[in-house]
Amino acid sequence: MKEETIYILTVWDEAKSQFAISEYEKDTVEQQLEFGNKEFITFESIIGQKIYYKRDLVKAISFNEYVEALNEEDK
């Protein structure tokens, strides 16, 4: 069974905020940016937190794949 990839979503508005999200939520946010709601960007973090951003206040969004180091030698 394939493990689901976790992404770190970074949002820049007046501050920089980071959230851990699933691959499904990453796809959802990408679709919202391209086709979705013109007023809000919404998503859910992997801990179940529902996040809403007023779209016109967001300056940038980035996605980075989360990679966990297995031990000190891997860091």
N, C-alpha and C. Protein backbone atom coordinates (compact mmCIF):
# COMPACT_ATOMS: atom_id res chain seq x y z
N MET A 1 0.83 -1.18 0.00
CA MET A 1 0.00 0.00 0.00
C MET A 1 0.88 1.25 0.00
N LYS A 2 0.59 2.16 -0.87
CA LYS A 2 1.37 3.38 -1.00
C LYS A 2 1.05 4.35 0.13
N GLU A 3 2.11 4.87 0.77
CA GLU A 3 1.91 5.89 1.80
C GLU A 3 1.56 7.20 1.13
N GLU A 4 0.65 7.92 1.75
CA GLU A 4 0.26 9.22 1.20
C GLU A 4 1.35 10.24 1.52
N THR A 5 1.65 11.06 0.55
CA THR A 5 2.65 12.11 0.71
C THR A 5 2.06 13.24 1.53
N ILE A 6 2.85 13.79 2.43
CA ILE A 6 2.46 14.96 3.20
C ILE A 6 3.20 16.16 2.64
N TYR A 7 2.49 17.27 2.51
CA TYR A 7 3.08 18.49 2.00
C TYR A 7 3.04 19.58 3.07
N ILE A 8 4.03 20.44 3.03
CA ILE A 8 4.03 21.64 3.87
C ILE A 8 3.55 22.77 2.96
N LEU A 9 2.40 23.33 3.32
CA LEU A 9 1.82 24.44 2.59
C LEU A 9 2.23 25.72 3.31
N THR A 10 2.87 26.62 2.61
CA THR A 10 3.26 27.91 3.18
C THR A 10 2.42 28.99 2.53
N VAL A 11 1.82 29.83 3.36
CA VAL A 11 0.98 30.92 2.89
C VAL A 11 1.60 32.22 3.39
N TRP A 12 1.81 33.16 2.48
CA TRP A 12 2.27 34.48 2.85
C TRP A 12 1.12 35.46 2.69
N ASP A 13 0.73 36.10 3.78
CA ASP A 13 -0.19 37.23 3.72
C ASP A 13 0.52 38.34 4.49
N GLU A 14 -0.02 38.79 5.61
CA GLU A 14 0.74 39.74 6.42
C GLU A 14 1.86 39.04 7.18
N ALA A 15 1.75 37.75 7.30
CA ALA A 15 2.76 36.92 7.98
C ALA A 15 2.97 35.66 7.15
N LYS A 16 3.90 34.84 7.58
CA LYS A 16 4.15 33.55 6.93
C LYS A 16 3.58 32.46 7.83
N SER A 17 2.71 31.62 7.28
CA SER A 17 2.11 30.52 8.04
C SER A 17 2.36 29.22 7.30
N GLN A 18 2.59 28.15 8.07
CA GLN A 18 2.83 26.84 7.46
C GLN A 18 1.89 25.81 8.05
N PHE A 19 1.43 24.89 7.18
CA PHE A 19 0.50 23.85 7.57
C PHE A 19 0.90 22.54 6.90
N ALA A 20 0.74 21.43 7.61
CA ALA A 20 0.93 20.11 7.02
C ALA A 20 -0.40 19.69 6.42
N ILE A 21 -0.38 19.33 5.13
CA ILE A 21 -1.62 18.94 4.44
C ILE A 21 -1.39 17.66 3.66
N SER A 22 -2.49 17.00 3.35
CA SER A 22 -2.42 15.76 2.57
C SER A 22 -2.26 16.07 1.08
N GLU A 23 -1.96 15.05 0.33
CA GLU A 23 -1.85 15.19 -1.12
C GLU A 23 -3.20 15.61 -1.72
N TYR A 24 -4.28 15.06 -1.16
CA TYR A 24 -5.62 15.43 -1.61
C TYR A 24 -5.88 16.93 -1.40
N GLU A 25 -5.53 17.45 -0.22
CA GLU A 25 -5.74 18.88 0.05
C GLU A 25 -4.85 19.74 -0.84
N LYS A 26 -3.64 19.28 -1.13
CA LYS A 26 -2.76 20.02 -2.05
C LYS A 26 -3.44 20.15 -3.41
N ASP A 27 -3.99 19.04 -3.90
CA ASP A 27 -4.69 19.07 -5.19
C ASP A 27 -5.90 20.00 -5.14
N THR A 28 -6.62 19.97 -4.01
CA THR A 28 -7.79 20.84 -3.84
C THR A 28 -7.40 22.31 -3.88
N VAL A 29 -6.33 22.68 -3.17
CA VAL A 29 -5.87 24.08 -3.16
C VAL A 29 -5.43 24.49 -4.57
N GLU A 30 -4.70 23.63 -5.27
CA GLU A 30 -4.27 23.95 -6.63
C GLU A 30 -5.49 24.20 -7.54
N GLN A 31 -6.53 23.38 -7.40
CA GLN A 31 -7.74 23.58 -8.21
C GLN A 31 -8.43 24.89 -7.83
N GLN A 32 -8.48 25.21 -6.55
CA GLN A 32 -9.08 26.47 -6.12
C GLN A 32 -8.34 27.66 -6.71
N LEU A 33 -7.01 27.57 -6.73
CA LEU A 33 -6.22 28.68 -7.27
C LEU A 33 -6.48 28.88 -8.75
N GLU A 34 -6.71 27.79 -9.45
CA GLU A 34 -6.92 27.88 -10.90
C GLU A 34 -8.38 28.16 -11.27
N PHE A 35 -9.31 27.47 -10.62
CA PHE A 35 -10.71 27.54 -11.06
C PHE A 35 -11.70 27.98 -9.99
N GLY A 36 -11.27 28.05 -8.75
CA GLY A 36 -12.22 28.10 -7.64
C GLY A 36 -12.72 29.45 -7.21
N ASN A 37 -13.17 29.43 -6.00
CA ASN A 37 -13.75 30.58 -5.32
C ASN A 37 -12.84 31.79 -5.43
N LYS A 38 -13.39 32.89 -5.88
CA LYS A 38 -12.60 34.11 -6.06
C LYS A 38 -12.41 34.88 -4.76
N GLU A 39 -13.17 34.49 -3.71
CA GLU A 39 -13.10 35.23 -2.45
C GLU A 39 -12.23 34.56 -1.39
N PHE A 40 -12.31 33.21 -1.29
CA PHE A 40 -11.58 32.51 -0.23
C PHE A 40 -10.80 31.33 -0.77
N ILE A 41 -9.71 31.00 -0.06
CA ILE A 41 -8.96 29.76 -0.27
C ILE A 41 -9.16 28.97 1.02
N THR A 42 -9.64 27.74 0.88
CA THR A 42 -9.92 26.92 2.06
C THR A 42 -9.24 25.56 1.95
N PHE A 43 -8.82 25.02 3.08
CA PHE A 43 -8.23 23.69 3.11
C PHE A 43 -8.25 23.18 4.54
N GLU A 44 -7.91 21.91 4.70
CA GLU A 44 -7.88 21.28 6.02
C GLU A 44 -6.49 20.69 6.25
N SER A 45 -5.92 20.98 7.41
CA SER A 45 -4.60 20.42 7.75
C SER A 45 -4.76 18.95 8.13
N ILE A 46 -3.64 18.25 8.23
CA ILE A 46 -3.71 16.81 8.56
C ILE A 46 -4.21 16.57 9.98
N ILE A 47 -4.21 17.60 10.84
CA ILE A 47 -4.75 17.43 12.20
C ILE A 47 -6.22 17.84 12.27
N GLY A 48 -6.83 18.13 11.13
CA GLY A 48 -8.25 18.43 11.08
C GLY A 48 -8.61 19.89 11.23
N GLN A 49 -7.63 20.76 11.27
CA GLN A 49 -7.87 22.19 11.39
C GLN A 49 -8.35 22.74 10.04
N LYS A 50 -9.50 23.41 10.03
CA LYS A 50 -10.02 24.01 8.81
C LYS A 50 -9.49 25.44 8.71
N ILE A 51 -8.87 25.75 7.58
CA ILE A 51 -8.23 27.05 7.39
C ILE A 51 -8.89 27.79 6.24
N TYR A 52 -9.14 29.07 6.46
CA TYR A 52 -9.75 29.94 5.45
C TYR A 52 -8.87 31.16 5.29
N TYR A 53 -8.54 31.51 4.06
CA TYR A 53 -7.80 32.73 3.77
C TYR A 53 -8.59 33.58 2.80
N LYS A 54 -8.69 34.86 3.10
CA LYS A 54 -9.30 35.78 2.15
C LYS A 54 -8.33 35.90 0.99
N ARG A 55 -8.78 35.53 -0.17
CA ARG A 55 -7.90 35.39 -1.33
C ARG A 55 -7.14 36.66 -1.69
N ASP A 56 -7.77 37.81 -1.60
CA ASP A 56 -7.09 39.03 -2.02
C ASP A 56 -6.01 39.48 -1.03
N LEU A 57 -5.93 38.85 0.15
CA LEU A 57 -4.87 39.17 1.11
C LEU A 57 -3.65 38.26 0.98
N VAL A 58 -3.81 37.14 0.24
CA VAL A 58 -2.72 36.18 0.08
C VAL A 58 -1.77 36.67 -1.01
N LYS A 59 -0.49 36.80 -0.64
CA LYS A 59 0.52 37.26 -1.60
C LYS A 59 1.16 36.10 -2.36
N ALA A 60 1.33 34.95 -1.68
CA ALA A 60 1.95 33.79 -2.32
C ALA A 60 1.61 32.52 -1.54
N ILE A 61 1.65 31.40 -2.26
CA ILE A 61 1.45 30.08 -1.67
C ILE A 61 2.50 29.15 -2.27
N SER A 62 3.10 28.30 -1.44
CA SER A 62 4.03 27.30 -1.96
C SER A 62 3.77 25.95 -1.30
N PHE A 63 4.13 24.90 -2.02
CA PHE A 63 4.00 23.52 -1.53
C PHE A 63 5.39 22.89 -1.54
N ASN A 64 5.73 22.22 -0.47
CA ASN A 64 6.97 21.45 -0.40
C ASN A 64 6.67 20.09 0.19
N GLU A 65 7.21 19.05 -0.42
CA GLU A 65 7.00 17.72 0.10
C GLU A 65 7.74 17.57 1.43
N TYR A 66 7.04 17.02 2.41
CA TYR A 66 7.63 16.80 3.73
C TYR A 66 8.49 15.55 3.69
N VAL A 67 9.73 15.68 4.14
CA VAL A 67 10.65 14.55 4.19
C VAL A 67 11.17 14.47 5.62
N GLU A 68 10.93 13.33 6.24
CA GLU A 68 11.34 13.14 7.63
C GLU A 68 12.69 12.43 7.67
N ALA A 69 13.63 13.01 8.40
CA ALA A 69 14.94 12.36 8.57
C ALA A 69 14.77 11.14 9.47
N LEU A 70 15.40 10.05 9.09
CA LEU A 70 15.25 8.81 9.85
C LEU A 70 16.15 8.77 11.09
N ASN A 71 17.30 9.40 10.99
CA ASN A 71 18.20 9.45 12.15
C ASN A 71 19.13 10.64 11.98
N GLU A 72 20.02 10.86 12.93
CA GLU A 72 20.92 12.01 12.90
C GLU A 72 21.81 12.05 11.66
N GLU A 73 22.23 10.88 11.16
CA GLU A 73 23.10 10.83 10.00
C GLU A 73 22.40 11.34 8.74
N ASP A 74 21.07 11.26 8.69
CA ASP A 74 20.32 11.68 7.53
C ASP A 74 20.07 13.19 7.47
N LYS A 75 20.32 13.88 8.58
CA LYS A 75 20.02 15.32 8.65
C LYS A 75 21.06 16.15 7.94
